C-alpha atoms as a PDB file:
ATOM      1  CA  MET A   1     -29.892 -19.395 -54.972  1.00  0.00           C
ATOM      2  CA  LYS A   2     -30.051 -17.184 -58.044  1.00  0.00           C
ATOM      3  CA  SER A   3     -32.139 -18.669 -60.894  1.00  0.00           C
ATOM      4  CA  PRO A   4     -30.487 -18.818 -64.342  1.00  0.00           C
ATOM      5  CA  PRO A   5     -31.438 -16.024 -66.752  1.00  0.00           C
ATOM      6  CA  SER A   6     -34.199 -16.747 -69.233  1.00  0.00           C
ATOM      7  CA  LEU A   7     -33.127 -17.044 -72.855  1.00  0.00           C
ATOM      8  CA  LEU A   8     -36.584 -17.854 -74.135  1.00  0.00           C
ATOM      9  CA  TRP A   9     -37.164 -14.739 -76.227  1.00  0.00           C
ATOM     10  CA  GLN A  10     -33.633 -14.557 -77.558  1.00  0.00           C
ATOM     11  CA  GLY A  11     -33.744 -18.260 -78.406  1.00  0.00           C
ATOM     12  CA  ALA A  12     -37.097 -17.935 -80.165  1.00  0.00           C
ATOM     13  CA  SER A  13     -35.837 -14.986 -82.210  1.00  0.00           C
ATOM     14  CA  VAL A  14     -32.660 -16.805 -83.223  1.00  0.00           C
ATOM     15  CA  ALA A  15     -34.603 -19.982 -84.046  1.00  0.00           C
ATOM     16  CA  ALA A  16     -36.966 -18.028 -86.295  1.00  0.00           C
ATOM     17  CA  THR A  17     -34.036 -16.351 -88.060  1.00  0.00           C
ATOM     18  CA  ILE A  18     -32.261 -19.683 -88.543  1.00  0.00           C
ATOM     19  CA  ALA A  19     -35.445 -21.212 -89.949  1.00  0.00           C
ATOM     20  CA  LEU A  20     -35.755 -18.295 -92.376  1.00  0.00           C
ATOM     21  CA  CYS A  21     -32.141 -18.706 -93.536  1.00  0.00           C
ATOM     22  CA  ILE A  22     -32.623 -22.448 -94.055  1.00  0.00           C
ATOM     23  CA  SER A  23     -35.836 -21.895 -96.011  1.00  0.00           C
ATOM     24  CA  LEU A  24     -34.054 -19.380 -98.248  1.00  0.00           C
ATOM     25  CA  GLY A  25     -31.230 -21.862 -98.771  1.00  0.00           C
ATOM     26  CA  VAL A  26     -33.703 -24.584 -99.770  1.00  0.00           C
ATOM     27  CA  TRP A  27     -35.405 -22.131-102.138  1.00  0.00           C
ATOM     28  CA  GLN A  28     -32.050 -21.396-103.770  1.00  0.00           C
ATOM     29  CA  LEU A  29     -31.460 -25.140-104.248  1.00  0.00           C
ATOM     30  CA  ARG A  30     -34.806 -25.349-106.031  1.00  0.00           C
ATOM     31  CA  ARG A  31     -33.801 -22.371-108.166  1.00  0.00           C
ATOM     32  CA  LEU A  32     -30.532 -24.168-108.914  1.00  0.00           C
ATOM     33  CA  GLU A  33     -32.438 -27.188-110.219  1.00  0.00           C
ATOM     34  CA  TRP A  34     -34.649 -24.903-112.333  1.00  0.00           C
ATOM     35  CA  LYS A  35     -31.623 -23.013-113.718  1.00  0.00           C
ATOM     36  CA  GLU A  36     -29.726 -26.209-114.559  1.00  0.00           C
ATOM     37  CA  ASN A  37     -32.738 -27.576-116.455  1.00  0.00           C
ATOM     38  CA  LEU A  38     -33.134 -24.250-118.255  1.00  0.00           C
ATOM     39  CA  LEU A  39     -29.441 -24.133-119.202  1.00  0.00           C
ATOM     40  CA  ALA A  40     -29.635 -27.676-120.551  1.00  0.00           C
ATOM     41  CA  ALA A  41     -32.637 -26.690-122.693  1.00  0.00           C
ATOM     42  CA  ILE A  42     -30.869 -23.533-123.873  1.00  0.00           C
ATOM     43  CA  GLU A  43     -27.732 -25.487-124.794  1.00  0.00           C
ATOM     44  CA  THR A  44     -29.846 -27.854-126.882  1.00  0.00           C
ATOM     45  CA  ARG A  45     -31.708 -24.998-128.585  1.00  0.00           C
ATOM     46  CA  ALA A  46     -28.589 -22.975-129.336  1.00  0.00           C
ATOM     47  CA  HIS A  47     -26.762 -25.792-131.093  1.00  0.00           C
ATOM     48  CA  SER A  48     -29.688 -27.380-132.918  1.00  0.00           C
ATOM     49  CA  ALA A  49     -30.342 -26.893-136.618  1.00  0.00           C
ATOM     50  CA  PRO A  50     -32.324 -23.694-137.334  1.00  0.00           C
ATOM     51  CA  SER A  51     -36.071 -24.120-136.911  1.00  0.00           C
ATOM     52  CA  ALA A  52     -39.035 -21.887-137.733  1.00  0.00           C
ATOM     53  CA  LEU A  53     -39.956 -18.915-135.567  1.00  0.00           C
ATOM     54  CA  PRO A  54     -42.644 -19.476-132.924  1.00  0.00           C
ATOM     55  CA  GLU A  55     -46.137 -19.144-134.388  1.00  0.00           C
ATOM     56  CA  ARG A  56     -47.344 -15.552-134.422  1.00  0.00           C
ATOM     57  CA  GLY A  57     -50.464 -16.465-132.439  1.00  0.00           C
ATOM     58  CA  SER A  58     -48.301 -17.676-129.544  1.00  0.00           C
ATOM     59  CA  TRP A  59     -46.250 -14.483-129.204  1.00  0.00           C
ATOM     60  CA  PRO A  60     -48.380 -12.812-126.485  1.00  0.00           C
ATOM     61  CA  ARG A  61     -48.084 -15.914-124.273  1.00  0.00           C
ATOM     62  CA  LEU A  62     -44.341 -16.471-124.602  1.00  0.00           C
ATOM     63  CA  SER A  63     -41.882 -15.981-121.770  1.00  0.00           C
ATOM     64  CA  SER A  64     -38.158 -15.724-122.351  1.00  0.00           C
ATOM     65  CA  ASP A  65     -37.729 -19.246-120.926  1.00  0.00           C
ATOM     66  CA  ASP A  66     -39.740 -20.530-123.894  1.00  0.00           C
ATOM     67  CA  TYR A  67     -37.464 -19.183-126.614  1.00  0.00           C
ATOM     68  CA  ALA A  68     -34.148 -17.825-125.272  1.00  0.00           C
ATOM     69  CA  TYR A  69     -31.223 -18.874-127.498  1.00  0.00           C
ATOM     70  CA  ALA A  70     -33.421 -20.857-129.890  1.00  0.00           C
ATOM     71  CA  HIS A  71     -31.643 -21.268-133.232  1.00  0.00           C
ATOM     72  CA  VAL A  72     -34.142 -20.148-135.862  1.00  0.00           C
ATOM     73  CA  ARG A  73     -34.641 -19.255-139.493  1.00  0.00           C
ATOM     74  CA  ALA A  74     -36.901 -16.385-140.595  1.00  0.00           C
ATOM     75  CA  GLU A  75     -38.010 -15.387-144.086  1.00  0.00           C
ATOM     76  CA  GLY A  76     -39.023 -11.845-144.904  1.00  0.00           C
ATOM     77  CA  ALA A  77     -37.912  -8.445-146.160  1.00  0.00           C
ATOM     78  CA  PHE A  78     -35.905  -5.876-144.216  1.00  0.00           C
ATOM     79  CA  ASP A  79     -37.514  -2.480-143.737  1.00  0.00           C
ATOM     80  CA  LEU A  80     -34.495  -0.530-144.935  1.00  0.00           C
ATOM     81  CA  ALA A  81     -36.009   2.831-143.961  1.00  0.00           C
ATOM     82  CA  ARG A  82     -36.048   2.017-140.254  1.00  0.00           C
ATOM     83  CA  VAL A  83     -33.196   1.263-137.899  1.00  0.00           C
ATOM     84  CA  ALA A  84     -32.666   1.728-134.167  1.00  0.00           C
ATOM     85  CA  LEU A  85     -29.018   2.302-133.305  1.00  0.00           C
ATOM     86  CA  VAL A  86     -28.516   1.132-129.720  1.00  0.00           C
ATOM     87  CA  PHE A  87     -25.415   2.610-128.103  1.00  0.00           C
ATOM     88  CA  THR A  88     -23.210  -0.040-126.483  1.00  0.00           C
ATOM     89  CA  SER A  89     -19.649  -1.056-125.725  1.00  0.00           C
ATOM     90  CA  ALA A  90     -17.781  -3.157-128.263  1.00  0.00           C
ATOM     91  CA  PRO A  91     -18.761  -6.855-128.089  1.00  0.00           C
ATOM     92  CA  GLU A  92     -16.167  -9.544-127.496  1.00  0.00           C
ATOM     93  CA  GLY A  93     -14.707 -10.473-130.852  1.00  0.00           C
ATOM     94  CA  GLY A  94     -15.868  -7.128-132.242  1.00  0.00           C
ATOM     95  CA  ILE A  95     -13.935  -4.426-134.050  1.00  0.00           C
ATOM     96  CA  GLY A  96     -11.457  -3.139-131.452  1.00  0.00           C
ATOM     97  CA  ALA A  97     -12.532  -1.711-128.111  1.00  0.00           C
ATOM     98  CA  GLU A  98     -14.297   1.398-129.416  1.00  0.00           C
ATOM     99  CA  PRO A  99     -17.944   1.769-128.322  1.00  0.00           C
ATOM    100  CA  GLY A 100     -20.560   1.971-131.003  1.00  0.00           C
ATOM    101  CA  PHE A 101     -24.038   0.839-131.958  1.00  0.00           C
ATOM    102  CA  LEU A 102     -26.086  -2.283-132.476  1.00  0.00           C
ATOM    103  CA  ALA A 103     -28.144  -1.933-135.654  1.00  0.00           C
ATOM    104  CA  LEU A 104     -31.653  -3.190-134.933  1.00  0.00           C
ATOM    105  CA  MET A 105     -33.849  -3.385-138.036  1.00  0.00           C
ATOM    106  CA  PRO A 106     -37.378  -4.742-138.629  1.00  0.00           C
ATOM    107  CA  LEU A 107     -37.766  -7.840-140.769  1.00  0.00           C
ATOM    108  CA  GLN A 108     -41.292  -7.944-142.206  1.00  0.00           C
ATOM    109  CA  LEU A 109     -42.066 -11.652-142.141  1.00  0.00           C
ATOM    110  CA  ALA A 110     -43.486 -13.439-145.145  1.00  0.00           C
ATOM    111  CA  SER A 111     -45.914 -15.186-142.776  1.00  0.00           C
ATOM    112  CA  GLY A 112     -47.124 -11.866-141.312  1.00  0.00           C
ATOM    113  CA  GLY A 113     -45.952  -9.707-138.447  1.00  0.00           C
ATOM    114  CA  ALA A 114     -42.380  -8.599-137.951  1.00  0.00           C
ATOM    115  CA  VAL A 115     -39.325  -9.342-135.846  1.00  0.00           C
ATOM    116  CA  ILE A 116     -36.628  -6.896-134.797  1.00  0.00           C
ATOM    117  CA  VAL A 117     -33.256  -8.214-136.027  1.00  0.00           C
ATOM    118  CA  ASN A 118     -29.972  -7.331-134.377  1.00  0.00           C
ATOM    119  CA  ARG A 119     -27.872  -7.107-137.536  1.00  0.00           C
ATOM    120  CA  GLY A 120     -24.611  -6.495-135.692  1.00  0.00           C
ATOM    121  CA  PHE A 121     -22.251  -3.927-134.206  1.00  0.00           C
ATOM    122  CA  THR A 122     -20.610  -0.929-135.838  1.00  0.00           C
ATOM    123  CA  PRO A 123     -17.999   1.274-134.086  1.00  0.00           C
ATOM    124  CA  GLN A 124     -18.994   4.862-133.430  1.00  0.00           C
ATOM    125  CA  SER A 125     -16.366   6.171-135.864  1.00  0.00           C
ATOM    126  CA  LYS A 126     -17.903   4.125-138.688  1.00  0.00           C
ATOM    127  CA  ALA A 127     -21.551   4.805-137.910  1.00  0.00           C
ATOM    128  CA  GLU A 128     -21.878   7.386-140.688  1.00  0.00           C
ATOM    129  CA  ALA A 129     -21.008   4.689-143.229  1.00  0.00           C
ATOM    130  CA  GLY A 130     -24.300   3.012-142.329  1.00  0.00           C
ATOM    131  CA  GLY A 131     -23.351  -0.583-143.059  1.00  0.00           C
ATOM    132  CA  TRP A 132     -26.859  -1.707-142.079  1.00  0.00           C
ATOM    133  CA  ARG A 133     -28.142  -0.018-145.234  1.00  0.00           C
ATOM    134  CA  GLU A 134     -26.475  -2.856-147.156  1.00  0.00           C
ATOM    135  CA  ALA A 135     -29.220  -5.241-146.053  1.00  0.00           C
ATOM    136  CA  PRO A 136     -30.559  -7.286-148.955  1.00  0.00           C
ATOM    137  CA  GLY A 137     -33.655  -5.876-150.611  1.00  0.00           C
ATOM    138  CA  GLY A 138     -36.680  -8.059-151.233  1.00  0.00           C
ATOM    139  CA  THR A 139     -37.308 -11.407-149.582  1.00  0.00           C
ATOM    140  CA  THR A 140     -34.374 -12.941-147.751  1.00  0.00           C
ATOM    141  CA  VAL A 141     -33.740 -15.645-145.167  1.00  0.00           C
ATOM    142  CA  VAL A 142     -32.112 -14.712-141.858  1.00  0.00           C
ATOM    143  CA  THR A 143     -30.762 -17.288-139.441  1.00  0.00           C
ATOM    144  CA  GLY A 144     -29.776 -16.584-135.864  1.00  0.00           C
ATOM    145  CA  TRP A 145     -30.774 -16.890-132.235  1.00  0.00           C
ATOM    146  CA  LEU A 146     -33.796 -15.563-130.379  1.00  0.00           C
ATOM    147  CA  MET A 147     -32.880 -13.319-127.461  1.00  0.00           C
ATOM    148  CA  SER A 148     -34.843 -11.788-124.584  1.00  0.00           C
ATOM    149  CA  PRO A 149     -35.369  -8.026-124.474  1.00  0.00           C
ATOM    150  CA  GLN A 150     -32.421  -6.264-122.898  1.00  0.00           C
ATOM    151  CA  LYS A 151     -33.084  -5.171-119.331  1.00  0.00           C
ATOM    152  CA  ARG A 152     -32.185  -1.674-118.238  1.00  0.00           C
ATOM    153  CA  ASN A 153     -30.694  -0.799-114.873  1.00  0.00           C
ATOM    154  CA  MET A 154     -30.488   2.346-112.760  1.00  0.00           C
ATOM    155  CA  PHE A 155     -27.549   3.594-114.828  1.00  0.00           C
ATOM    156  CA  THR A 156     -29.181   3.137-118.248  1.00  0.00           C
ATOM    157  CA  PRO A 157     -30.127   6.499-119.799  1.00  0.00           C
ATOM    158  CA  PRO A 158     -33.710   6.814-121.052  1.00  0.00           C
ATOM    159  CA  ASP A 159     -34.277   6.119-124.725  1.00  0.00           C
ATOM    160  CA  ASP A 160     -35.090   9.111-126.913  1.00  0.00           C
ATOM    161  CA  PRO A 161     -36.748   7.673-130.052  1.00  0.00           C
ATOM    162  CA  SER A 162     -37.675  11.083-131.467  1.00  0.00           C
ATOM    163  CA  ASN A 163     -33.966  11.917-131.715  1.00  0.00           C
ATOM    164  CA  GLY A 164     -32.856   8.415-132.658  1.00  0.00           C
ATOM    165  CA  LYS A 165     -31.091   7.777-129.335  1.00  0.00           C
ATOM    166  CA  TRP A 166     -31.421   4.241-128.021  1.00  0.00           C
ATOM    167  CA  PHE A 167     -29.680   2.652-125.053  1.00  0.00           C
ATOM    168  CA  THR A 168     -31.709  -0.546-124.651  1.00  0.00           C
ATOM    169  CA  ALA A 169     -32.392  -3.335-127.146  1.00  0.00           C
ATOM    170  CA  ASP A 170     -36.077  -3.619-126.292  1.00  0.00           C
ATOM    171  CA  PRO A 171     -38.107  -4.909-129.274  1.00  0.00           C
ATOM    172  CA  ALA A 172     -41.440  -3.755-127.834  1.00  0.00           C
ATOM    173  CA  ALA A 173     -40.257  -0.157-127.375  1.00  0.00           C
ATOM    174  CA  ILE A 174     -38.573  -0.096-130.793  1.00  0.00           C
ATOM    175  CA  ALA A 175     -41.640  -1.538-132.525  1.00  0.00           C
ATOM    176  CA  ALA A 176     -43.862   1.025-130.793  1.00  0.00           C
ATOM    177  CA  ALA A 177     -41.589   3.877-131.925  1.00  0.00           C
ATOM    178  CA  PHE A 178     -41.762   2.526-135.486  1.00  0.00           C
ATOM    179  CA  GLY A 179     -45.564   2.237-135.327  1.00  0.00           C
ATOM    180  CA  MET A 180     -45.491  -1.543-135.786  1.00  0.00           C
ATOM    181  CA  ALA A 181     -48.602  -3.205-134.397  1.00  0.00           C
ATOM    182  CA  GLU A 182     -47.595  -6.863-134.802  1.00  0.00           C
ATOM    183  CA  ALA A 183     -44.004  -7.319-133.713  1.00  0.00           C
ATOM    184  CA  ALA A 184     -42.468 -10.299-131.943  1.00  0.00           C
ATOM    185  CA  PRO A 185     -41.583  -9.844-128.251  1.00  0.00           C
ATOM    186  CA  PHE A 186     -38.081 -11.220-128.861  1.00  0.00           C
ATOM    187  CA  LEU A 187     -34.989 -10.130-130.751  1.00  0.00           C
ATOM    188  CA  LEU A 188     -33.422 -12.142-133.553  1.00  0.00           C
ATOM    189  CA  GLU A 189     -29.633 -12.079-133.189  1.00  0.00           C
ATOM    190  CA  GLN A 190     -28.348 -12.467-136.760  1.00  0.00           C
ATOM    191  CA  GLN A 191     -25.890 -15.321-137.123  1.00  0.00           C
ATOM    192  CA  ALA A 192     -22.212 -14.689-137.594  1.00  0.00           C
ATOM    193  CA  GLY A 193     -20.611 -14.886-140.984  1.00  0.00           C
ATOM    194  CA  ALA A 194     -18.480 -12.722-143.231  1.00  0.00           C
ATOM    195  CA  PRO A 195     -20.861  -9.819-143.793  1.00  0.00           C
ATOM    196  CA  GLU A 196     -20.226  -7.493-146.679  1.00  0.00           C
ATOM    197  CA  ASP A 197     -21.994  -4.679-144.818  1.00  0.00           C
ATOM    198  CA  GLY A 198     -19.046  -4.156-142.457  1.00  0.00           C
ATOM    199  CA  LEU A 199     -21.033  -5.010-139.333  1.00  0.00           C
ATOM    200  CA  SER A 200     -19.337  -7.118-136.682  1.00  0.00           C
ATOM    201  CA  ARG A 201     -21.410 -10.046-135.396  1.00  0.00           C
ATOM    202  CA  PRO A 202     -20.814 -12.427-132.503  1.00  0.00           C
ATOM    203  CA  VAL A 203     -18.848 -15.488-133.519  1.00  0.00           C
ATOM    204  CA  ALA A 204     -21.131 -17.806-131.563  1.00  0.00           C
ATOM    205  CA  ILE A 205     -23.663 -17.867-128.786  1.00  0.00           C
ATOM    206  CA  ASP A 206     -21.872 -18.689-125.504  1.00  0.00           C
ATOM    207  CA  THR A 207     -24.366 -20.126-123.032  1.00  0.00           C
ATOM    208  CA  ALA A 208     -21.573 -20.457-120.444  1.00  0.00           C
ATOM    209  CA  GLN A 209     -21.901 -16.708-119.880  1.00  0.00           C
ATOM    210  CA  ILE A 210     -25.418 -17.106-118.459  1.00  0.00           C
ATOM    211  CA  PRO A 211     -25.061 -16.632-114.683  1.00  0.00           C
ATOM    212  CA  ASN A 212     -25.900 -19.526-112.381  1.00  0.00           C
ATOM    213  CA  ASN A 213     -25.033 -18.498-108.824  1.00  0.00           C
ATOM    214  CA  HIS A 214     -27.785 -20.314-106.934  1.00  0.00           C
ATOM    215  CA  LEU A 215     -25.483 -22.910-105.327  1.00  0.00           C
ATOM    216  CA  GLY A 216     -23.333 -20.125-103.892  1.00  0.00           C
ATOM    217  CA  TYR A 217     -26.416 -18.305-102.623  1.00  0.00           C
ATOM    218  CA  ALA A 218     -27.686 -21.506-100.988  1.00  0.00           C
ATOM    219  CA  ALA A 219     -24.320 -22.086 -99.288  1.00  0.00           C
ATOM    220  CA  THR A 220     -24.385 -18.503 -97.991  1.00  0.00           C
ATOM    221  CA  TRP A 221     -27.835 -18.918 -96.422  1.00  0.00           C
ATOM    222  CA  PHE A 222     -26.976 -22.287 -94.872  1.00  0.00           C
ATOM    223  CA  GLY A 223     -23.679 -20.852 -93.612  1.00  0.00           C
ATOM    224  CA  LEU A 224     -25.483 -17.926 -91.988  1.00  0.00           C
ATOM    225  CA  ALA A 225     -27.882 -20.333 -90.278  1.00  0.00           C
ATOM    226  CA  ALA A 226     -25.005 -22.428 -88.928  1.00  0.00           C
ATOM    227  CA  ALA A 227     -23.022 -19.398 -87.778  1.00  0.00           C
ATOM    228  CA  MET A 228     -26.023 -17.927 -86.027  1.00  0.00           C
ATOM    229  CA  GLY A 229     -26.684 -21.201 -84.214  1.00  0.00           C
ATOM    230  CA  ILE A 230     -23.053 -21.476 -83.071  1.00  0.00           C
ATOM    231  CA  LEU A 231     -22.904 -17.867 -81.898  1.00  0.00           C
ATOM    232  CA  PHE A 232     -26.119 -18.220 -79.930  1.00  0.00           C
ATOM    233  CA  ALA A 233     -24.882 -21.436 -78.329  1.00  0.00           C
ATOM    234  CA  VAL A 234     -21.691 -19.663 -77.217  1.00  0.00           C
ATOM    235  CA  TYR A 235     -23.704 -16.694 -75.939  1.00  0.00           C
ATOM    236  CA  ALA A 236     -26.170 -18.905 -74.074  1.00  0.00           C
ATOM    237  CA  LYS A 237     -23.378 -20.915 -72.460  1.00  0.00           C
ATOM    238  CA  GLY A 238     -21.772 -17.696 -71.203  1.00  0.00           C
ATOM    239  CA  ARG A 239     -25.038 -16.475 -69.730  1.00  0.00           C
ATOM    240  CA  LEU A 240     -25.842 -19.763 -68.013  1.00  0.00           C
ATOM    241  CA  ASP A 241     -22.392 -20.495 -66.586  1.00  0.00           C
END
């Protein structure tokens, strides 16, 4: 009588793969809980009354989770001689669909240090008008939202500060190019209004645009584990029959 074929090694391999898929699915569920808590905190920050900037001494220890979308108020004076024009597509609610530039300008804080302020968007055809030069002189108060440094991807061209070409809103890189030793690690997105400088600003911060795909990822991993178990069961039954 012929003995049934051994499926020990195949079964062990499949079991290990299924266990890995399940562990990844569980990890994604934990990430989902973390993301939901973070989004709830962000929603509260974004729609609260403006508060003071984080203390300067805490800046080196901050992560983006600590401040992202915080509604803040900052007092200081714009450095009108310095601006980084970051090339970008037109924002939603902006002036048409023409690409242009975000005007990022240092605000020298009355309390010391500086923060890079995103003053708004100007279309490429209107860049020569230099609406950002209409920033108020002397001490002023700026309200807005704190934003994480923009991340670059494989398609983002390298910045060229010496020629004034910027493609990433990275406050650390901009501050370094400007020779600023004490600059905040975050951006201050200036609040919308009816600016006389001609710059277009976002109407509001939309936290719904923050991606939260962890539940879908978890379902994918659990689905792969189930499919692999079913396929192996079918395969094993065919071998043993």
